[in-house]
Amino acid sequence: MSKRALEHLRAVDPKLGAIIDRVGPYRPGRREQGTHFDAVVRSIVYQQLSGQAAGTIYDRVTAIYRDQPPTPAQLLRTPPERLRAAGLSGRKVEYVQALAAQVKAGTLPIESLHELDDDAVIDALTQVKGIGRWTAQMFLMFRLKRPDVLAELDLGLQKGLQKVHGLRTRPSPERLLKLGARWSPWRSVAAWYLWRSLELDD
């Protein structure tokens, strides 16, 4: 898959191709362990935080459950103040418990989301309070390994495109989608290289 993807991206976008050559092989982190529920809980914890800070909070949350990801029933039984003491904001406590409630009630069939197409996964997840389009797209990219996802609201991707293409201003979400249309059907791969471009020295 990655060889075909890189050949396509180099052909349609030589500037991105130059970044691909500098960064090297495509090696996305993949969340293959655990359940889909675990992956979405983790995504909520990571919203609007640096990876290191979010990782610390997530570890404190799982410590409540003997270092295991909590089940929906466990999360619902946990007093909100205990989750806040682990580092979750009051709002994120609401979000993870809202997710747990829908999963436990069966209104969100989370463990069969991989059977749906991308748009249907986004529609299903964004019905839950606190889960927006970005969180659903991260689930598609890193949990379900969908190859053609472009998270247009992601600030890092906007900055990456600005850097790679030498744009005077940071592109809007709409412009990111327009300029990124050429990368399809490998927009997830292109996104990974845009993120990596921000780590390169100019």
Protein backbone atom coordinates (compact mmCIF):
# COMPACT_ATOMS: atom_id res chain seq x y z
CA MET A 1 0.00 0.00 0.00
CA SER A 2 2.61 2.58 1.02
CA LYS A 3 4.69 2.13 -2.16
CA ARG A 4 1.69 2.85 -4.39
CA ALA A 5 0.69 5.74 -2.15
CA LEU A 6 4.12 7.36 -2.25
CA GLU A 7 4.41 6.98 -6.02
CA HIS A 8 1.03 8.67 -6.43
CA LEU A 9 1.84 11.52 -4.04
CA ARG A 10 5.20 12.21 -5.66
CA ALA A 11 3.55 12.31 -9.09
CA VAL A 12 0.69 14.66 -8.20
CA ASP A 13 2.58 16.91 -5.77
CA PRO A 14 6.36 17.24 -6.33
CA LYS A 15 6.71 19.60 -3.34
CA LEU A 16 5.21 17.00 -1.04
CA GLY A 17 7.37 14.43 -2.83
CA ALA A 18 10.46 16.34 -1.71
CA ILE A 19 9.24 16.10 1.90
CA ILE A 20 8.62 12.38 1.47
CA ASP A 21 12.22 11.95 0.33
CA ARG A 22 13.51 13.87 3.36
CA VAL A 23 11.31 12.14 5.94
CA GLY A 24 11.71 8.60 4.65
CA PRO A 25 9.40 5.58 4.97
CA TYR A 26 5.78 5.95 5.99
CA ARG A 27 5.49 4.71 9.58
CA PRO A 28 2.26 5.85 11.19
CA GLY A 29 1.62 4.94 14.78
CA ARG A 30 -1.22 2.43 14.97
CA ARG A 31 -3.57 1.69 17.82
CA GLU A 32 -4.25 -1.96 17.25
CA GLN A 33 -4.51 -3.04 20.88
CA GLY A 34 -7.73 -2.91 22.85
CA THR A 35 -11.19 -2.05 21.63
CA HIS A 36 -12.68 0.71 19.51
CA PHE A 37 -14.16 2.10 22.73
CA ASP A 38 -10.66 2.39 24.24
CA ALA A 39 -9.44 4.22 21.14
CA VAL A 40 -12.22 6.81 21.26
CA VAL A 41 -11.76 7.39 25.00
CA ARG A 42 -8.06 7.97 24.35
CA SER A 43 -8.88 10.41 21.53
CA ILE A 44 -11.11 12.42 23.86
CA VAL A 45 -8.37 12.56 26.49
CA TYR A 46 -5.90 13.80 23.84
CA GLN A 47 -8.15 16.60 22.52
CA GLN A 48 -6.36 19.97 22.59
CA LEU A 49 -3.40 18.70 24.61
CA SER A 50 0.21 17.92 23.79
CA GLY A 51 0.93 14.22 23.40
CA GLN A 52 3.07 14.10 26.54
CA ALA A 53 0.53 15.84 28.77
CA ALA A 54 -2.33 13.76 27.42
CA GLY A 55 -0.36 10.54 27.84
CA THR A 56 0.27 11.35 31.50
CA ILE A 57 -3.42 11.99 32.13
CA TYR A 58 -4.47 8.86 30.27
CA ASP A 59 -2.07 6.78 32.39
CA ARG A 60 -3.57 8.28 35.56
CA VAL A 61 -7.07 7.44 34.35
CA THR A 62 -6.19 3.82 33.59
CA ALA A 63 -4.45 3.58 36.98
CA ILE A 64 -7.91 3.88 38.52
CA TYR A 65 -8.74 0.57 36.82
CA ARG A 66 -5.54 -1.33 37.69
CA ASP A 67 -3.74 0.01 34.62
CA GLN A 68 -6.36 -1.34 32.23
CA PRO A 69 -8.57 0.71 29.89
CA PRO A 70 -11.99 1.09 31.53
CA THR A 71 -15.13 -0.53 30.19
CA PRO A 72 -18.23 1.60 29.63
CA ALA A 73 -19.79 0.22 32.81
CA GLN A 74 -16.67 1.01 34.85
CA LEU A 75 -16.54 4.57 33.57
CA LEU A 76 -20.18 5.12 34.43
CA ARG A 77 -19.64 3.83 37.98
CA THR A 78 -16.65 6.12 38.58
CA PRO A 79 -17.47 9.35 40.45
CA PRO A 80 -16.71 12.38 38.23
CA GLU A 81 -14.49 13.90 40.92
CA ARG A 82 -12.22 10.84 40.81
CA LEU A 83 -11.74 11.26 37.06
CA ARG A 84 -11.08 14.96 37.52
CA ALA A 85 -8.47 14.14 40.16
CA ALA A 86 -6.68 12.06 37.50
CA GLY A 87 -6.39 15.18 35.36
CA LEU A 88 -9.46 15.13 33.12
CA SER A 89 -11.28 18.43 32.80
CA GLY A 90 -14.88 18.53 33.93
CA ARG A 91 -15.96 18.75 30.32
CA LYS A 92 -13.93 15.70 29.26
CA VAL A 93 -15.40 13.73 32.16
CA GLU A 94 -18.83 14.56 30.69
CA TYR A 95 -17.66 13.45 27.26
CA VAL A 96 -16.20 10.07 28.22
CA GLN A 97 -19.22 9.27 30.38
CA ALA A 98 -21.62 10.34 27.61
CA LEU A 99 -19.75 7.99 25.27
CA ALA A 100 -19.89 5.19 27.83
CA ALA A 101 -23.63 5.71 28.34
CA GLN A 102 -24.40 5.47 24.62
CA VAL A 103 -22.24 2.39 24.17
CA LYS A 104 -23.74 0.66 27.21
CA ALA A 105 -27.27 1.49 26.04
CA GLY A 106 -26.51 0.13 22.58
CA THR A 107 -27.34 3.39 20.77
CA LEU A 108 -23.75 3.58 19.50
CA PRO A 109 -22.59 0.17 18.17
CA ILE A 110 -18.99 1.20 18.57
CA GLU A 111 -17.34 -2.19 18.12
CA SER A 112 -18.83 -2.58 14.64
CA LEU A 113 -17.87 0.87 13.35
CA HIS A 114 -15.20 -0.69 11.14
CA GLU A 115 -18.03 -2.11 9.01
CA LEU A 116 -19.16 1.40 7.99
CA ASP A 117 -17.77 3.75 5.36
CA ASP A 118 -15.84 6.85 6.43
CA ASP A 119 -18.75 9.30 6.35
CA ALA A 120 -20.99 6.91 8.29
CA VAL A 121 -18.31 6.48 10.99
CA ILE A 122 -18.05 10.25 11.35
CA ASP A 123 -21.84 10.61 11.51
CA ALA A 124 -22.10 7.91 14.20
CA LEU A 125 -19.34 9.25 16.42
CA THR A 126 -20.30 12.91 16.20
CA GLN A 127 -23.71 12.10 17.67
CA VAL A 128 -21.90 11.76 21.01
CA LYS A 129 -21.43 14.91 23.06
CA GLY A 130 -17.81 16.06 22.89
CA ILE A 131 -16.86 14.08 19.80
CA GLY A 132 -16.36 16.34 16.83
CA ARG A 133 -15.28 15.80 13.29
CA TRP A 134 -11.54 15.93 14.15
CA THR A 135 -11.78 13.21 16.81
CA ALA A 136 -13.76 10.99 14.45
CA GLN A 137 -11.19 11.52 11.70
CA MET A 138 -8.32 10.57 14.03
CA PHE A 139 -10.23 7.37 14.83
CA LEU A 140 -10.56 6.66 11.11
CA MET A 141 -6.88 7.28 10.43
CA PHE A 142 -5.18 5.65 13.37
CA ARG A 143 -7.61 3.02 14.58
CA LEU A 144 -9.32 1.90 11.39
CA LYS A 145 -6.30 2.68 9.14
CA ARG A 146 -8.47 4.32 6.50
CA PRO A 147 -6.18 5.60 3.72
CA ASP A 148 -8.07 8.63 2.42
CA VAL A 149 -8.85 10.90 5.38
CA LEU A 150 -7.86 14.57 5.49
CA ALA A 151 -8.63 16.29 8.79
CA GLU A 152 -9.24 19.77 7.43
CA LEU A 153 -9.70 21.32 10.87
CA ASP A 154 -6.27 20.15 12.08
CA LEU A 155 -3.99 23.13 12.74
CA GLY A 156 -0.87 21.02 12.19
CA LEU A 157 -2.02 20.00 8.71
CA GLN A 158 -2.83 23.59 7.82
CA LYS A 159 0.63 24.70 8.98
CA GLY A 160 2.25 21.76 7.22
CA LEU A 161 0.63 22.64 3.90
CA GLN A 162 1.63 26.27 4.35
CA LYS A 163 5.24 25.23 4.94
CA VAL A 164 5.48 22.61 2.19
CA HIS A 165 3.91 24.83 -0.48
CA GLY A 166 5.36 28.15 0.72
CA LEU A 167 1.95 29.76 1.18
CA ARG A 168 1.89 33.31 2.53
CA THR A 169 -0.92 32.56 4.96
CA ARG A 170 -2.15 29.46 6.72
CA PRO A 171 -4.81 27.84 4.52
CA SER A 172 -8.40 27.65 5.65
CA PRO A 173 -9.99 24.23 6.11
CA GLU A 174 -11.75 24.71 2.78
CA ARG A 175 -8.50 25.52 0.97
CA LEU A 176 -6.75 22.58 2.61
CA LEU A 177 -9.44 20.27 1.25
CA LYS A 178 -9.27 21.86 -2.19
CA LEU A 179 -5.47 21.71 -2.47
CA GLY A 180 -5.41 18.24 -0.92
CA ALA A 181 -7.95 16.76 -3.33
CA ARG A 182 -5.09 15.74 -5.66
CA TRP A 183 -3.70 13.39 -2.98
CA SER A 184 -6.79 11.15 -3.01
CA PRO A 185 -7.07 8.18 -2.52
CA TRP A 186 -4.05 8.52 -0.17
CA ARG A 187 -4.83 11.66 1.80
CA SER A 188 -4.12 9.98 5.16
CA VAL A 189 -0.58 9.27 3.97
CA ALA A 190 -0.17 12.85 2.73
CA ALA A 191 -1.40 14.11 6.11
CA TRP A 192 1.20 12.06 7.96
CA TYR A 193 3.95 13.65 5.87
CA LEU A 194 2.55 17.14 6.45
CA TRP A 195 2.75 16.55 10.19
CA ARG A 196 6.31 15.24 9.85
CA SER A 197 7.29 18.28 7.75
CA LEU A 198 6.84 20.47 10.82
CA GLU A 199 9.62 18.52 12.56
CA LEU A 200 12.14 19.22 9.79
CA ASP A 201 14.63 22.05 9.88
CA ASP A 202 14.00 24.55 7.12
